[in-house]
C-alpha atoms as a PDB file:
ATOM      1  CA  THR A   1     133.102 104.843  76.949  1.00  0.00           C
ATOM      2  CA  ALA A   2     134.085 106.966  73.951  1.00  0.00           C
ATOM      3  CA  GLN A   3     131.030 105.338  71.487  1.00  0.00           C
ATOM      4  CA  LEU A   4     129.153 106.435  74.801  1.00  0.00           C
ATOM      5  CA  ALA A   5     129.598 109.591  74.940  1.00  0.00           C
ATOM      6  CA  GLU A   6     129.548 110.499  70.797  1.00  0.00           C
ATOM      7  CA  GLN A   7     125.766 109.158  71.039  1.00  0.00           C
ATOM      8  CA  ILE A   8     124.721 111.471  73.825  1.00  0.00           C
ATOM      9  CA  VAL A   9     126.477 114.184  72.502  1.00  0.00           C
ATOM     10  CA  SER A  10     124.636 112.969  68.536  1.00  0.00           C
ATOM     11  CA  ASP A  11     121.076 113.826  70.624  1.00  0.00           C
ATOM     12  CA  PHE A  12     122.141 117.358  70.952  1.00  0.00           C
ATOM     13  CA  ARG A  13     124.012 118.325  67.736  1.00  0.00           C
ATOM     14  CA  ARG A  14     123.058 120.585  65.451  1.00  0.00           C
ATOM     15  CA  THR A  15     122.320 120.005  61.730  1.00  0.00           C
ATOM     16  CA  ALA A  16     124.745 120.953  59.354  1.00  0.00           C
ATOM     17  CA  ALA A  17     122.619 123.732  58.216  1.00  0.00           C
ATOM     18  CA  GLY A  18     122.461 124.703  62.109  1.00  0.00           C
ATOM     19  CA  ARG A  19     118.410 124.153  62.444  1.00  0.00           C
ATOM     20  CA  PRO A  20     117.272 121.420  64.796  1.00  0.00           C
ATOM     21  CA  PRO A  21     115.892 118.569  62.864  1.00  0.00           C
ATOM     22  CA  GLU A  22     112.060 118.713  61.790  1.00  0.00           C
ATOM     23  CA  LEU A  23     109.509 117.125  63.767  1.00  0.00           C
ATOM     24  CA  HIS A  24     107.360 114.747  61.698  1.00  0.00           C
ATOM     25  CA  GLN A  25     103.815 114.059  63.529  1.00  0.00           C
ATOM     26  CA  ALA A  26     103.013 110.303  64.883  1.00  0.00           C
ATOM     27  CA  ALA A  27     100.581 108.765  62.237  1.00  0.00           C
ATOM     28  CA  GLY A  28      97.050 108.465  63.903  1.00  0.00           C
ATOM     29  CA  SER A  29      98.259 111.667  65.840  1.00  0.00           C
ATOM     30  CA  SER A  30      96.070 114.179  66.504  1.00  0.00           C
ATOM     31  CA  PRO A  31      96.468 117.584  64.904  1.00  0.00           C
ATOM     32  CA  MET A  32      99.264 119.447  65.472  1.00  0.00           C
ATOM     33  CA  GLU A  33      97.644 122.881  66.618  1.00  0.00           C
ATOM     34  CA  LEU A  34      99.422 126.585  67.278  1.00  0.00           C
ATOM     35  CA  SER A  35      98.919 128.326  70.385  1.00  0.00           C
ATOM     36  CA  ILE A  36      99.161 131.790  70.466  1.00  0.00           C
ATOM     37  CA  MET A  37     100.854 134.123  73.322  1.00  0.00           C
ATOM     38  CA  VAL A  38      99.811 137.735  73.333  1.00  0.00           C
ATOM     39  CA  SER A  39     101.327 140.050  76.051  1.00  0.00           C
ATOM     40  CA  THR A  40      99.366 143.727  75.143  1.00  0.00           C
ATOM     41  CA  ALA A  41      95.937 144.480  74.691  1.00  0.00           C
ATOM     42  CA  GLU A  42      96.725 145.765  71.386  1.00  0.00           C
ATOM     43  CA  GLN A  43      97.682 142.401  70.236  1.00  0.00           C
ATOM     44  CA  LEU A  44      95.085 140.646  72.025  1.00  0.00           C
ATOM     45  CA  GLU A  45      92.491 142.752  69.534  1.00  0.00           C
ATOM     46  CA  ALA A  46      94.269 141.970  67.096  1.00  0.00           C
ATOM     47  CA  MET A  47      94.509 138.087  67.433  1.00  0.00           C
ATOM     48  CA  ARG A  48      90.450 138.412  67.949  1.00  0.00           C
ATOM     49  CA  LYS A  49      90.089 139.856  64.254  1.00  0.00           C
ATOM     50  CA  THR A  50      91.829 136.963  63.223  1.00  0.00           C
ATOM     51  CA  GLY A  51      89.880 133.873  64.989  1.00  0.00           C
ATOM     52  CA  CYS A  52      92.678 132.072  66.499  1.00  0.00           C
ATOM     53  CA  ARG A  53      90.846 128.836  68.300  1.00  0.00           C
ATOM     54  CA  ARG A  54      94.186 128.530  71.073  1.00  0.00           C
ATOM     55  CA  MET A  55      94.590 132.235  72.390  1.00  0.00           C
ATOM     56  CA  LEU A  56      96.672 132.626  75.941  1.00  0.00           C
ATOM     57  CA  VAL A  57      95.605 135.993  77.399  1.00  0.00           C
ATOM     58  CA  PRO A  58      97.757 136.999  80.190  1.00  0.00           C
ATOM     59  CA  TYR A  59      95.017 137.082  83.955  1.00  0.00           C
ATOM     60  CA  GLY A  60      94.862 141.014  83.688  1.00  0.00           C
ATOM     61  CA  LEU A  61      94.006 141.283  80.497  1.00  0.00           C
ATOM     62  CA  PRO A  62      90.024 140.702  79.260  1.00  0.00           C
ATOM     63  CA  LEU A  63      89.425 136.989  79.169  1.00  0.00           C
ATOM     64  CA  LEU A  64      86.495 135.215  77.770  1.00  0.00           C
ATOM     65  CA  PRO A  65      85.768 131.872  79.063  1.00  0.00           C
ATOM     66  CA  GLU A  66      86.980 129.778  75.818  1.00  0.00           C
ATOM     67  CA  ASP A  67      90.653 131.828  76.791  1.00  0.00           C
ATOM     68  CA  ILE A  68      94.157 130.132  78.322  1.00  0.00           C
ATOM     69  CA  ALA A  69      94.524 132.706  81.383  1.00  0.00           C
ATOM     70  CA  VAL A  70      98.638 133.096  81.569  1.00  0.00           C
ATOM     71  CA  LEU A  71      99.010 133.496  85.009  1.00  0.00           C
ATOM     72  CA  PRO A  72     101.906 135.721  86.270  1.00  0.00           C
ATOM     73  CA  ARG A  73     105.194 133.669  87.123  1.00  0.00           C
ATOM     74  CA  ILE A  74     104.706 135.034  90.925  1.00  0.00           C
ATOM     75  CA  SER A  75     101.655 134.881  92.455  1.00  0.00           C
ATOM     76  CA  PRO A  76     100.522 137.532  94.366  1.00  0.00           C
ATOM     77  CA  PRO A  77      98.375 137.746  98.086  1.00  0.00           C
ATOM     78  CA  GLY A  78      95.048 136.675  97.002  1.00  0.00           C
ATOM     79  CA  PHE A  79      95.639 134.746  94.311  1.00  0.00           C
ATOM     80  CA  LYS A  80      93.753 131.448  94.713  1.00  0.00           C
ATOM     81  CA  GLN A  81      90.404 133.767  95.166  1.00  0.00           C
ATOM     82  CA  ARG A  82      91.361 136.115  91.446  1.00  0.00           C
ATOM     83  CA  LEU A  83      92.110 132.020  90.220  1.00  0.00           C
ATOM     84  CA  ALA A  84      89.021 130.906  90.901  1.00  0.00           C
ATOM     85  CA  ASP A  85      87.130 134.393  89.870  1.00  0.00           C
ATOM     86  CA  LEU A  86      88.762 134.621  86.869  1.00  0.00           C
ATOM     87  CA  PRO A  87      85.748 133.629  83.305  1.00  0.00           C
ATOM     88  CA  ALA A  88      88.642 131.606  81.664  1.00  0.00           C
ATOM     89  CA  ARG A  89      87.784 128.051  82.323  1.00  0.00           C
ATOM     90  CA  HIS A  90      91.703 126.961  80.953  1.00  0.00           C
ATOM     91  CA  VAL A  91      94.829 128.344  83.056  1.00  0.00           C
ATOM     92  CA  LEU A  92      98.648 127.755  81.910  1.00  0.00           C
ATOM     93  CA  VAL A  93     100.119 127.447  85.311  1.00  0.00           C
ATOM     94  CA  ARG A  94     104.072 128.784  85.721  1.00  0.00           C
ATOM     95  CA  ASN A  95     105.064 127.102  88.785  1.00  0.00           C
ATOM     96  CA  LEU A  96     104.302 123.684  90.758  1.00  0.00           C
ATOM     97  CA  GLY A  97     102.379 126.240  93.889  1.00  0.00           C
ATOM     98  CA  GLN A  98      99.672 127.351  90.798  1.00  0.00           C
ATOM     99  CA  LEU A  99      99.265 123.724  89.661  1.00  0.00           C
ATOM    100  CA  PHE A 100      97.370 122.983  93.072  1.00  0.00           C
ATOM    101  CA  LEU A 101      95.093 125.702  93.093  1.00  0.00           C
ATOM    102  CA  ALA A 102      94.103 125.801  89.403  1.00  0.00           C
ATOM    103  CA  LYS A 103      93.253 121.861  90.385  1.00  0.00           C
ATOM    104  CA  GLN A 104      91.305 122.965  93.602  1.00  0.00           C
ATOM    105  CA  CYS A 105      89.555 126.081  91.779  1.00  0.00           C
ATOM    106  CA  GLY A 106      88.833 123.425  88.873  1.00  0.00           C
ATOM    107  CA  LYS A 107      90.437 124.999  86.158  1.00  0.00           C
ATOM    108  CA  ALA A 108      91.268 123.558  83.163  1.00  0.00           C
ATOM    109  CA  ILE A 109      95.243 123.005  83.131  1.00  0.00           C
ATOM    110  CA  HIS A 110      97.886 123.490  81.008  1.00  0.00           C
ATOM    111  CA  THR A 111     101.598 123.218  82.004  1.00  0.00           C
ATOM    112  CA  ASP A 112     104.147 126.099  80.717  1.00  0.00           C
ATOM    113  CA  PHE A 113     108.006 125.515  79.774  1.00  0.00           C
ATOM    114  CA  THR A 114     108.979 127.080  83.381  1.00  0.00           C
ATOM    115  CA  LEU A 115     107.949 123.343  85.012  1.00  0.00           C
ATOM    116  CA  ASN A 116     110.924 122.018  83.287  1.00  0.00           C
ATOM    117  CA  CYS A 117     109.139 118.662  81.812  1.00  0.00           C
ATOM    118  CA  TYR A 118     112.357 117.328  79.930  1.00  0.00           C
ATOM    119  CA  ASN A 119     111.426 113.431  80.120  1.00  0.00           C
ATOM    120  CA  GLY A 120     108.611 110.786  79.937  1.00  0.00           C
ATOM    121  CA  PHE A 121     108.512 110.693  83.684  1.00  0.00           C
ATOM    122  CA  THR A 122     107.652 114.209  84.491  1.00  0.00           C
ATOM    123  CA  ALA A 123     105.204 114.705  81.289  1.00  0.00           C
ATOM    124  CA  GLY A 124     103.308 111.736  82.736  1.00  0.00           C
ATOM    125  CA  LEU A 125     103.296 112.998  86.162  1.00  0.00           C
ATOM    126  CA  LEU A 126     102.211 116.346  85.170  1.00  0.00           C
ATOM    127  CA  ALA A 127      98.967 114.576  82.950  1.00  0.00           C
ATOM    128  CA  ALA A 128      97.834 112.241  85.819  1.00  0.00           C
ATOM    129  CA  TYR A 129      97.576 115.565  87.829  1.00  0.00           C
ATOM    130  CA  GLY A 130      95.577 117.034  85.738  1.00  0.00           C
ATOM    131  CA  ALA A 131      96.792 118.646  82.729  1.00  0.00           C
ATOM    132  CA  GLN A 132      95.423 118.956  79.670  1.00  0.00           C
ATOM    133  CA  THR A 133      99.074 119.954  77.946  1.00  0.00           C
ATOM    134  CA  VAL A 134     102.381 119.899  78.724  1.00  0.00           C
ATOM    135  CA  THR A 135     104.483 122.649  77.294  1.00  0.00           C
ATOM    136  CA  VAL A 136     108.255 120.815  77.114  1.00  0.00           C
ATOM    137  CA  SER A 137     110.992 122.471  78.448  1.00  0.00           C
ATOM    138  CA  ALA A 138     112.985 125.336  75.948  1.00  0.00           C
ATOM    139  CA  GLU A 139     116.106 123.341  76.305  1.00  0.00           C
ATOM    140  CA  CYS A 140     115.071 119.717  75.021  1.00  0.00           C
ATOM    141  CA  THR A 141     115.672 118.020  71.948  1.00  0.00           C
ATOM    142  CA  CYS A 142     113.557 116.969  68.829  1.00  0.00           C
ATOM    143  CA  ALA A 143     114.195 113.516  69.905  1.00  0.00           C
ATOM    144  CA  GLN A 144     113.512 113.951  73.299  1.00  0.00           C
ATOM    145  CA  ILE A 145     110.206 115.115  72.239  1.00  0.00           C
ATOM    146  CA  ARG A 146     109.532 112.394  70.229  1.00  0.00           C
ATOM    147  CA  ALA A 147     110.351 110.083  72.961  1.00  0.00           C
ATOM    148  CA  MET A 148     107.333 111.791  74.828  1.00  0.00           C
ATOM    149  CA  ARG A 149     105.141 111.574  72.346  1.00  0.00           C
ATOM    150  CA  GLY A 150     101.679 109.431  73.048  1.00  0.00           C
ATOM    151  CA  ILE A 151     102.640 109.818  77.438  1.00  0.00           C
ATOM    152  CA  ALA A 152     100.711 112.975  77.627  1.00  0.00           C
ATOM    153  CA  PRO A 153      99.604 116.116  74.783  1.00  0.00           C
ATOM    154  CA  LEU A 154     102.882 118.013  74.063  1.00  0.00           C
ATOM    155  CA  GLU A 155     103.352 121.859  73.254  1.00  0.00           C
ATOM    156  CA  ALA A 156     106.616 123.293  72.506  1.00  0.00           C
ATOM    157  CA  VAL A 157     107.481 126.906  72.231  1.00  0.00           C
ATOM    158  CA  ILE A 158     108.010 127.450  69.267  1.00  0.00           C
ATOM    159  CA  TYR A 159     108.721 131.250  68.731  1.00  0.00           C
ATOM    160  CA  GLY A 160     109.857 134.443  70.929  1.00  0.00           C
ATOM    161  CA  ARG A 161     111.890 135.300  73.673  1.00  0.00           C
ATOM    162  CA  LEU A 162     112.541 133.763  76.694  1.00  0.00           C
ATOM    163  CA  PRO A 163     112.943 135.786  79.933  1.00  0.00           C
ATOM    164  CA  LEU A 164     116.230 134.931  80.808  1.00  0.00           C
ATOM    165  CA  MET A 165     115.654 136.054  84.661  1.00  0.00           C
ATOM    166  CA  LEU A 166     112.878 137.073  86.809  1.00  0.00           C
ATOM    167  CA  THR A 167     112.462 139.588  89.824  1.00  0.00           C
ATOM    168  CA  GLU A 168     109.649 140.816  91.613  1.00  0.00           C
ATOM    169  CA  ASN A 169     111.990 144.123  92.386  1.00  0.00           C
ATOM    170  CA  CYS A 170     111.744 146.732  89.672  1.00  0.00           C
ATOM    171  CA  ILE A 171     115.093 146.003  87.959  1.00  0.00           C
ATOM    172  CA  LYS A 172     114.159 149.530  85.946  1.00  0.00           C
ATOM    173  CA  GLN A 173     113.997 151.399  88.595  1.00  0.00           C
ATOM    174  CA  ALA A 174     117.051 149.954  90.147  1.00  0.00           C
ATOM    175  CA  ALA A 175     118.906 150.444  87.390  1.00  0.00           C
ATOM    176  CA  VAL A 176     117.771 153.873  85.947  1.00  0.00           C
ATOM    177  CA  GLY A 177     114.421 154.762  86.948  1.00  0.00           C
ATOM    178  CA  CYS A 178     111.108 153.349  86.470  1.00  0.00           C
ATOM    179  CA  LYS A 179     109.897 152.941  83.016  1.00  0.00           C
ATOM    180  CA  GLN A 180     112.897 154.827  81.635  1.00  0.00           C
ATOM    181  CA  ALA A 181     114.556 151.952  80.682  1.00  0.00           C
ATOM    182  CA  GLU A 182     113.460 149.884  78.018  1.00  0.00           C
ATOM    183  CA  GLN A 183     116.248 147.502  77.573  1.00  0.00           C
ATOM    184  CA  LEU A 184     119.509 146.369  79.840  1.00  0.00           C
ATOM    185  CA  GLN A 185     123.116 146.191  78.273  1.00  0.00           C
ATOM    186  CA  ASP A 186     125.761 143.929  79.901  1.00  0.00           C
ATOM    187  CA  ARG A 187     130.023 144.046  80.325  1.00  0.00           C
ATOM    188  CA  THR A 188     129.760 142.580  76.300  1.00  0.00           C
ATOM    189  CA  GLY A 189     127.504 144.972  74.923  1.00  0.00           C
ATOM    190  CA  ALA A 190     124.492 142.760  74.244  1.00  0.00           C
ATOM    191  CA  GLN A 191     121.133 144.237  74.837  1.00  0.00           C
ATOM    192  CA  PHE A 192     118.368 142.414  76.589  1.00  0.00           C
ATOM    193  CA  PRO A 193     114.871 144.088  76.735  1.00  0.00           C
ATOM    194  CA  VAL A 194     113.041 144.445  79.738  1.00  0.00           C
ATOM    195  CA  ARG A 195     109.193 144.202  80.768  1.00  0.00           C
ATOM    196  CA  CYS A 196     107.448 144.952  83.730  1.00  0.00           C
ATOM    197  CA  LEU A 197     104.308 142.221  84.172  1.00  0.00           C
ATOM    198  CA  GLU A 198     102.500 144.660  86.193  1.00  0.00           C
END
């Protein structure tokens, strides 16, 4: 039992340098691509000038047909029609409901880390439903990602902040008045940025 426990724990243990082990591209696999997700119009304008091939753009910003439209985490009323009317052919779905709607609207599907793809079974299921790329869970270790290779085209979030909480109600307004708080502080003094996704 102790040996099994050590084997399980070793999969999650960081290297001595405090960094995860490297992921190496498998022989014969397609080349790795960099996808850039922007949040603001300024970021979008700057990235368009670089010639980046895979742009993930929030669906409230100007979209080109080759962009991947980033759908909202909470789908607003009338969402299906808005999804169908998007000029982008590709969408990044953030929940299972959006996965079904995107397929009905004939969009090319890419899944976000919010679908919690943690193993090969989930990756295969999402790919079988039509996902062209599957973003693995942010909690996956390198060994777990390697185990999923070949089941579905995989993506991983490698840089940037991940949301700790999502709410439909305005946390800024509840805390200090709308548009005034750029961050909240917890009881330990840690600062957390607050973003409004209107």
